[in-house]
Amino acid sequence: MSALLATASGLVGLIVGALVNRAAGRFPWTEQARGGPAVRRPVLELGTALLFALTGLRFGLSWELPAFLFLAGVAVLLTVIDVQHKLLPNRVVLPSIGIGAALLTVAASGSGDWSALLRGVLAAAVLFVVFFALVLISPRSIGMGDAKLAALLGLYLGWLGWEFVLLGIAAGFVVQALLAVLLLVTRRIGLKGELPFGPAMLVGAALVVGWSDSLLG
């Protein structure tokens, strides 16, 4: 059953990856915008398929699986756009918060775990406030898009538990630091170079979600 679910999720991810690649290639989605794939095929398609397959293995045939598959697709789209344009568009982040909340509400209704949903909503609010404060303190390092993304990630990490909220956000800062050191060593950026924070936040959250079963027993 696990292998079958992972295969089915991977096939869905293959389709989603193709759609994401096309959508990211046409960003910023104006009438005049025309473009090919954002990333050379089939790299993004296969990567998204793998991410979906791993998500299927992690959550199994559960009520929460659709919500986390949705997050996986959104994460790929936001990562590509932020890397290429240094922007986390409101047209993606804000609807994703609403859709994610709706999918997790369905999961809570099916599983009866309403406390997880409440925890997720509270975590989303807390992280938004924390990151908004960071925006005010250091607007060159963290933008409002990052604060809105923190709310989205808080919703999902909070669903899993407060421990995962802390680990997920901390992991984002660690990933960003490691990436900055790597790019400095390889001279891809200078000391005054700026890196988008969104991809690191998403990678950190993905690592914590993926290993959440083993991280805290």
C-alpha atoms as a PDB file:
ATOM      1  CA  MET A   1       0.000   0.000   0.000  1.00  0.00           C
ATOM      2  CA  SER A   2       2.812   2.447   0.877  1.00  0.00           C
ATOM      3  CA  ALA A   3       4.609   1.816  -2.404  1.00  0.00           C
ATOM      4  CA  LEU A   4       1.382   2.186  -4.370  1.00  0.00           C
ATOM      5  CA  LEU A   5       0.522   5.443  -2.613  1.00  0.00           C
ATOM      6  CA  ALA A   6       4.024   6.815  -3.159  1.00  0.00           C
ATOM      7  CA  THR A   7       3.839   5.916  -6.861  1.00  0.00           C
ATOM      8  CA  ALA A   8       0.434   7.558  -7.243  1.00  0.00           C
ATOM      9  CA  SER A   9       1.608  10.659  -5.390  1.00  0.00           C
ATOM     10  CA  GLY A  10       4.728  10.783  -7.551  1.00  0.00           C
ATOM     11  CA  LEU A  11       2.664  10.664 -10.744  1.00  0.00           C
ATOM     12  CA  VAL A  12       0.550  13.527  -9.480  1.00  0.00           C
ATOM     13  CA  GLY A  13       3.752  15.373  -8.632  1.00  0.00           C
ATOM     14  CA  LEU A  14       5.029  14.859 -12.172  1.00  0.00           C
ATOM     15  CA  ILE A  15       1.961  16.639 -13.533  1.00  0.00           C
ATOM     16  CA  VAL A  16       2.127  19.362 -10.889  1.00  0.00           C
ATOM     17  CA  GLY A  17       5.819  19.876 -11.626  1.00  0.00           C
ATOM     18  CA  ALA A  18       5.076  20.447 -15.315  1.00  0.00           C
ATOM     19  CA  LEU A  19       2.357  22.973 -14.441  1.00  0.00           C
ATOM     20  CA  VAL A  20       4.602  24.724 -11.930  1.00  0.00           C
ATOM     21  CA  ASN A  21       7.452  24.922 -14.429  1.00  0.00           C
ATOM     22  CA  ARG A  22       5.161  26.495 -16.980  1.00  0.00           C
ATOM     23  CA  ALA A  23       3.631  28.913 -14.472  1.00  0.00           C
ATOM     24  CA  ALA A  24       7.000  30.001 -13.055  1.00  0.00           C
ATOM     25  CA  GLY A  25       8.342  30.512 -16.570  1.00  0.00           C
ATOM     26  CA  ARG A  26       5.533  32.966 -17.304  1.00  0.00           C
ATOM     27  CA  PHE A  27       5.880  34.935 -14.073  1.00  0.00           C
ATOM     28  CA  PRO A  28       4.883  37.784 -13.389  1.00  0.00           C
ATOM     29  CA  TRP A  29       1.743  36.615 -15.189  1.00  0.00           C
ATOM     30  CA  THR A  30       0.893  39.747 -17.092  1.00  0.00           C
ATOM     31  CA  GLU A  31      -0.900  39.706 -20.422  1.00  0.00           C
ATOM     32  CA  GLN A  32       2.381  40.416 -22.158  1.00  0.00           C
ATOM     33  CA  ALA A  33       4.304  37.748 -20.269  1.00  0.00           C
ATOM     34  CA  ARG A  34       5.492  34.951 -22.506  1.00  0.00           C
ATOM     35  CA  GLY A  35       8.131  32.399 -21.730  1.00  0.00           C
ATOM     36  CA  GLY A  36       9.208  28.809 -21.727  1.00  0.00           C
ATOM     37  CA  PRO A  37       9.835  26.633 -18.701  1.00  0.00           C
ATOM     38  CA  ALA A  38      11.500  28.289 -15.723  1.00  0.00           C
ATOM     39  CA  VAL A  39      13.826  25.305 -15.237  1.00  0.00           C
ATOM     40  CA  ARG A  40      15.193  22.998 -17.903  1.00  0.00           C
ATOM     41  CA  ARG A  41      12.952  19.976 -18.336  1.00  0.00           C
ATOM     42  CA  PRO A  42      12.632  17.437 -16.769  1.00  0.00           C
ATOM     43  CA  VAL A  43      14.573  18.580 -13.669  1.00  0.00           C
ATOM     44  CA  LEU A  44      11.712  20.372 -11.945  1.00  0.00           C
ATOM     45  CA  GLU A  45       9.145  17.780 -12.992  1.00  0.00           C
ATOM     46  CA  LEU A  46      11.175  14.879 -11.598  1.00  0.00           C
ATOM     47  CA  GLY A  47      12.076  16.807  -8.445  1.00  0.00           C
ATOM     48  CA  THR A  48       8.425  17.584  -7.772  1.00  0.00           C
ATOM     49  CA  ALA A  49       7.473  13.964  -8.418  1.00  0.00           C
ATOM     50  CA  LEU A  50      10.076  12.827  -5.872  1.00  0.00           C
ATOM     51  CA  LEU A  51       8.846  15.373  -3.320  1.00  0.00           C
ATOM     52  CA  PHE A  52       5.248  14.210  -3.772  1.00  0.00           C
ATOM     53  CA  ALA A  53       6.273  10.561  -3.486  1.00  0.00           C
ATOM     54  CA  LEU A  54       8.138  11.246  -0.238  1.00  0.00           C
ATOM     55  CA  THR A  55       5.126  13.165   1.071  1.00  0.00           C
ATOM     56  CA  GLY A  56       2.922  10.181   0.274  1.00  0.00           C
ATOM     57  CA  LEU A  57       5.293   7.899   2.166  1.00  0.00           C
ATOM     58  CA  ARG A  58       5.462  10.281   5.125  1.00  0.00           C
ATOM     59  CA  PHE A  59       1.721  10.717   5.673  1.00  0.00           C
ATOM     60  CA  GLY A  60       0.305   7.565   4.127  1.00  0.00           C
ATOM     61  CA  LEU A  61      -3.387   7.263   3.357  1.00  0.00           C
ATOM     62  CA  SER A  62      -4.446   9.912   5.870  1.00  0.00           C
ATOM     63  CA  TRP A  63      -6.799  12.870   6.038  1.00  0.00           C
ATOM     64  CA  GLU A  64      -3.855  15.280   6.161  1.00  0.00           C
ATOM     65  CA  LEU A  65      -2.128  13.966   3.022  1.00  0.00           C
ATOM     66  CA  PRO A  66      -3.983  16.241   0.536  1.00  0.00           C
ATOM     67  CA  ALA A  67      -3.095  19.308   2.591  1.00  0.00           C
ATOM     68  CA  PHE A  68       0.603  18.464   2.656  1.00  0.00           C
ATOM     69  CA  LEU A  69       0.646  17.556  -1.035  1.00  0.00           C
ATOM     70  CA  PHE A  70      -0.813  20.982  -1.727  1.00  0.00           C
ATOM     71  CA  LEU A  71       1.922  22.559   0.388  1.00  0.00           C
ATOM     72  CA  ALA A  72       4.556  20.615  -1.546  1.00  0.00           C
ATOM     73  CA  GLY A  73       3.308  21.974  -4.867  1.00  0.00           C
ATOM     74  CA  VAL A  74       3.139  25.535  -3.567  1.00  0.00           C
ATOM     75  CA  ALA A  75       6.619  25.188  -2.069  1.00  0.00           C
ATOM     76  CA  VAL A  76       8.122  24.240  -5.426  1.00  0.00           C
ATOM     77  CA  LEU A  77       6.451  27.173  -7.177  1.00  0.00           C
ATOM     78  CA  LEU A  78       7.496  29.697  -4.522  1.00  0.00           C
ATOM     79  CA  THR A  79      11.054  28.387  -4.429  1.00  0.00           C
ATOM     80  CA  VAL A  80      11.541  28.771  -8.178  1.00  0.00           C
ATOM     81  CA  ILE A  81      10.010  32.253  -8.275  1.00  0.00           C
ATOM     82  CA  ASP A  82      11.948  33.485  -5.233  1.00  0.00           C
ATOM     83  CA  VAL A  83      15.253  32.160  -6.560  1.00  0.00           C
ATOM     84  CA  GLN A  84      14.745  33.708  -9.983  1.00  0.00           C
ATOM     85  CA  HIS A  85      12.929  36.934  -9.056  1.00  0.00           C
ATOM     86  CA  LYS A  86      13.617  37.413  -5.308  1.00  0.00           C
ATOM     87  CA  LEU A  87       9.900  37.707  -4.689  1.00  0.00           C
ATOM     88  CA  LEU A  88       7.184  35.723  -2.924  1.00  0.00           C
ATOM     89  CA  PRO A  89       4.035  36.837  -4.755  1.00  0.00           C
ATOM     90  CA  ASN A  90       0.894  37.594  -2.749  1.00  0.00           C
ATOM     91  CA  ARG A  91      -1.103  35.942  -5.518  1.00  0.00           C
ATOM     92  CA  VAL A  92       0.391  32.623  -4.425  1.00  0.00           C
ATOM     93  CA  VAL A  93       1.089  32.980  -0.708  1.00  0.00           C
ATOM     94  CA  LEU A  94      -2.182  34.516   0.485  1.00  0.00           C
ATOM     95  CA  PRO A  95      -4.569  32.116  -1.298  1.00  0.00           C
ATOM     96  CA  SER A  96      -2.352  29.232  -0.191  1.00  0.00           C
ATOM     97  CA  ILE A  97      -2.913  30.165   3.448  1.00  0.00           C
ATOM     98  CA  GLY A  98      -6.666  30.038   2.919  1.00  0.00           C
ATOM     99  CA  ILE A  99      -6.608  26.819   0.908  1.00  0.00           C
ATOM    100  CA  GLY A 100      -4.225  25.196   3.379  1.00  0.00           C
ATOM    101  CA  ALA A 101      -6.506  26.153   6.270  1.00  0.00           C
ATOM    102  CA  ALA A 102      -9.490  24.711   4.413  1.00  0.00           C
ATOM    103  CA  LEU A 103      -7.709  21.422   3.661  1.00  0.00           C
ATOM    104  CA  LEU A 104      -6.523  21.090   7.252  1.00  0.00           C
ATOM    105  CA  THR A 105     -10.074  21.825   8.426  1.00  0.00           C
ATOM    106  CA  VAL A 106     -11.228  18.879   6.323  1.00  0.00           C
ATOM    107  CA  ALA A 107      -8.434  16.803   7.861  1.00  0.00           C
ATOM    108  CA  ALA A 108      -9.486  17.845  11.374  1.00  0.00           C
ATOM    109  CA  SER A 109     -13.102  16.981  10.587  1.00  0.00           C
ATOM    110  CA  GLY A 110     -12.105  13.561   9.301  1.00  0.00           C
ATOM    111  CA  SER A 111      -9.671  12.717  12.070  1.00  0.00           C
ATOM    112  CA  GLY A 112     -11.439  14.540  14.894  1.00  0.00           C
ATOM    113  CA  ASP A 113      -8.175  16.279  15.806  1.00  0.00           C
ATOM    114  CA  TRP A 114      -9.477  19.833  16.120  1.00  0.00           C
ATOM    115  CA  SER A 115      -6.731  20.725  18.584  1.00  0.00           C
ATOM    116  CA  ALA A 116      -4.164  20.293  15.799  1.00  0.00           C
ATOM    117  CA  LEU A 117      -6.063  22.748  13.621  1.00  0.00           C
ATOM    118  CA  LEU A 118      -6.306  25.291  16.429  1.00  0.00           C
ATOM    119  CA  ARG A 119      -2.598  24.880  17.130  1.00  0.00           C
ATOM    120  CA  GLY A 120      -1.837  25.434  13.450  1.00  0.00           C
ATOM    121  CA  VAL A 121      -3.876  28.633  13.294  1.00  0.00           C
ATOM    122  CA  LEU A 122      -2.218  29.963  16.446  1.00  0.00           C
ATOM    123  CA  ALA A 123       1.237  29.070  15.138  1.00  0.00           C
ATOM    124  CA  ALA A 124       0.498  30.868  11.868  1.00  0.00           C
ATOM    125  CA  ALA A 125      -0.473  34.009  13.779  1.00  0.00           C
ATOM    126  CA  VAL A 126       2.531  33.830  16.102  1.00  0.00           C
ATOM    127  CA  LEU A 127       5.054  33.351  13.300  1.00  0.00           C
ATOM    128  CA  PHE A 128       3.563  36.159  11.264  1.00  0.00           C
ATOM    129  CA  VAL A 129       3.905  38.536  14.220  1.00  0.00           C
ATOM    130  CA  VAL A 130       7.478  37.388  14.917  1.00  0.00           C
ATOM    131  CA  PHE A 131       8.567  37.761  11.299  1.00  0.00           C
ATOM    132  CA  PHE A 132       6.764  41.074  10.943  1.00  0.00           C
ATOM    133  CA  ALA A 133       8.864  42.307  13.854  1.00  0.00           C
ATOM    134  CA  LEU A 134      11.978  41.030  12.072  1.00  0.00           C
ATOM    135  CA  VAL A 135      10.916  42.912   8.934  1.00  0.00           C
ATOM    136  CA  LEU A 136      10.770  46.118  10.954  1.00  0.00           C
ATOM    137  CA  ILE A 137      14.166  45.415  12.516  1.00  0.00           C
ATOM    138  CA  SER A 138      15.996  44.298   9.376  1.00  0.00           C
ATOM    139  CA  PRO A 139      13.978  44.985   6.210  1.00  0.00           C
ATOM    140  CA  ARG A 140      16.975  44.252   3.976  1.00  0.00           C
ATOM    141  CA  SER A 141      17.260  40.703   5.306  1.00  0.00           C
ATOM    142  CA  ILE A 142      13.607  39.710   5.654  1.00  0.00           C
ATOM    143  CA  GLY A 143      10.666  41.022   3.655  1.00  0.00           C
ATOM    144  CA  MET A 144       6.917  40.998   4.052  1.00  0.00           C
ATOM    145  CA  GLY A 145       6.730  38.057   1.681  1.00  0.00           C
ATOM    146  CA  ASP A 146       8.811  36.067   4.157  1.00  0.00           C
ATOM    147  CA  ALA A 147       6.445  37.057   6.979  1.00  0.00           C
ATOM    148  CA  LYS A 148       3.438  35.828   5.001  1.00  0.00           C
ATOM    149  CA  LEU A 149       5.278  32.636   4.102  1.00  0.00           C
ATOM    150  CA  ALA A 150       6.042  32.143   7.808  1.00  0.00           C
ATOM    151  CA  ALA A 151       2.292  32.231   8.467  1.00  0.00           C
ATOM    152  CA  LEU A 152       1.724  29.542   5.840  1.00  0.00           C
ATOM    153  CA  LEU A 153       4.472  27.328   7.237  1.00  0.00           C
ATOM    154  CA  GLY A 154       3.299  27.957  10.791  1.00  0.00           C
ATOM    155  CA  LEU A 155      -0.130  26.636   9.851  1.00  0.00           C
ATOM    156  CA  TYR A 156       1.343  23.306   8.751  1.00  0.00           C
ATOM    157  CA  LEU A 157       4.113  22.998  11.313  1.00  0.00           C
ATOM    158  CA  GLY A 158       1.656  23.918  14.048  1.00  0.00           C
ATOM    159  CA  TRP A 159      -0.617  21.115  12.875  1.00  0.00           C
ATOM    160  CA  LEU A 160       2.210  18.707  13.713  1.00  0.00           C
ATOM    161  CA  GLY A 161       3.086  20.321  17.059  1.00  0.00           C
ATOM    162  CA  TRP A 162       4.757  23.307  18.668  1.00  0.00           C
ATOM    163  CA  GLU A 163       8.081  21.463  18.662  1.00  0.00           C
ATOM    164  CA  PHE A 164       7.978  21.369  14.873  1.00  0.00           C
ATOM    165  CA  VAL A 165       7.222  25.074  14.672  1.00  0.00           C
ATOM    166  CA  LEU A 166      10.434  25.841  16.547  1.00  0.00           C
ATOM    167  CA  LEU A 167      12.482  23.252  14.677  1.00  0.00           C
ATOM    168  CA  GLY A 168      11.120  24.237  11.290  1.00  0.00           C
ATOM    169  CA  ILE A 169      11.879  27.926  11.643  1.00  0.00           C
ATOM    170  CA  ALA A 170      15.289  27.270  13.207  1.00  0.00           C
ATOM    171  CA  ALA A 171      16.098  24.904  10.344  1.00  0.00           C
ATOM    172  CA  GLY A 172      15.305  27.672   7.870  1.00  0.00           C
ATOM    173  CA  PHE A 173      17.902  29.972   9.423  1.00  0.00           C
ATOM    174  CA  VAL A 174      20.460  27.140   9.497  1.00  0.00           C
ATOM    175  CA  VAL A 175      19.869  26.302   5.831  1.00  0.00           C
ATOM    176  CA  GLN A 176      20.215  29.978   4.902  1.00  0.00           C
ATOM    177  CA  ALA A 177      23.488  30.283   6.821  1.00  0.00           C
ATOM    178  CA  LEU A 178      24.958  27.147   5.256  1.00  0.00           C
ATOM    179  CA  LEU A 179      23.908  28.253   1.787  1.00  0.00           C
ATOM    180  CA  ALA A 180      25.442  31.692   2.308  1.00  0.00           C
ATOM    181  CA  VAL A 181      28.752  30.166   3.416  1.00  0.00           C
ATOM    182  CA  LEU A 182      28.769  27.813   0.434  1.00  0.00           C
ATOM    183  CA  LEU A 183      28.098  30.615  -2.038  1.00  0.00           C
ATOM    184  CA  LEU A 184      30.759  32.802  -0.428  1.00  0.00           C
ATOM    185  CA  VAL A 185      33.349  30.025  -0.561  1.00  0.00           C
ATOM    186  CA  THR A 186      32.567  29.334  -4.217  1.00  0.00           C
ATOM    187  CA  ARG A 187      32.508  33.094  -4.905  1.00  0.00           C
ATOM    188  CA  ARG A 188      28.975  33.010  -6.290  1.00  0.00           C
ATOM    189  CA  ILE A 189      28.127  36.016  -4.111  1.00  0.00           C
ATOM    190  CA  GLY A 190      30.098  38.702  -2.297  1.00  0.00           C
ATOM    191  CA  LEU A 191      29.972  39.772   1.329  1.00  0.00           C
ATOM    192  CA  LYS A 192      27.262  42.282   0.476  1.00  0.00           C
ATOM    193  CA  GLY A 193      25.288  39.848  -1.643  1.00  0.00           C
ATOM    194  CA  GLU A 194      21.637  39.256  -0.793  1.00  0.00           C
ATOM    195  CA  LEU A 195      19.935  35.873  -0.778  1.00  0.00           C
ATOM    196  CA  PRO A 196      16.186  35.286  -0.843  1.00  0.00           C
ATOM    197  CA  PHE A 197      15.116  33.740   2.445  1.00  0.00           C
ATOM    198  CA  GLY A 198      11.987  31.986   1.200  1.00  0.00           C
ATOM    199  CA  PRO A 199      13.706  28.903  -0.297  1.00  0.00           C
ATOM    200  CA  ALA A 200      15.675  28.293   2.917  1.00  0.00           C
ATOM    201  CA  MET A 201      12.490  28.585   4.978  1.00  0.00           C
ATOM    202  CA  LEU A 202      10.756  26.070   2.728  1.00  0.00           C
ATOM    203  CA  VAL A 203      13.682  23.627   2.730  1.00  0.00           C
ATOM    204  CA  GLY A 204      14.012  23.853   6.516  1.00  0.00           C
ATOM    205  CA  ALA A 205      10.311  23.215   7.013  1.00  0.00           C
ATOM    206  CA  ALA A 206      10.393  20.319   4.538  1.00  0.00           C
ATOM    207  CA  LEU A 207      13.260  18.663   6.393  1.00  0.00           C
ATOM    208  CA  VAL A 208      11.446  18.930   9.713  1.00  0.00           C
ATOM    209  CA  VAL A 209       8.156  17.675   8.278  1.00  0.00           C
ATOM    210  CA  GLY A 210       9.913  14.798   6.522  1.00  0.00           C
ATOM    211  CA  TRP A 211      11.741  13.626   9.624  1.00  0.00           C
ATOM    212  CA  SER A 212       9.146  14.660  12.202  1.00  0.00           C
ATOM    213  CA  ASP A 213       8.409  11.057  13.134  1.00  0.00           C
ATOM    214  CA  SER A 214      12.026  10.348  14.095  1.00  0.00           C
ATOM    215  CA  LEU A 215      13.098  13.798  15.339  1.00  0.00           C
ATOM    216  CA  LEU A 216      11.012  13.652  18.481  1.00  0.00           C
ATOM    217  CA  GLY A 217      10.192   9.977  18.654  1.00  0.00           C
END
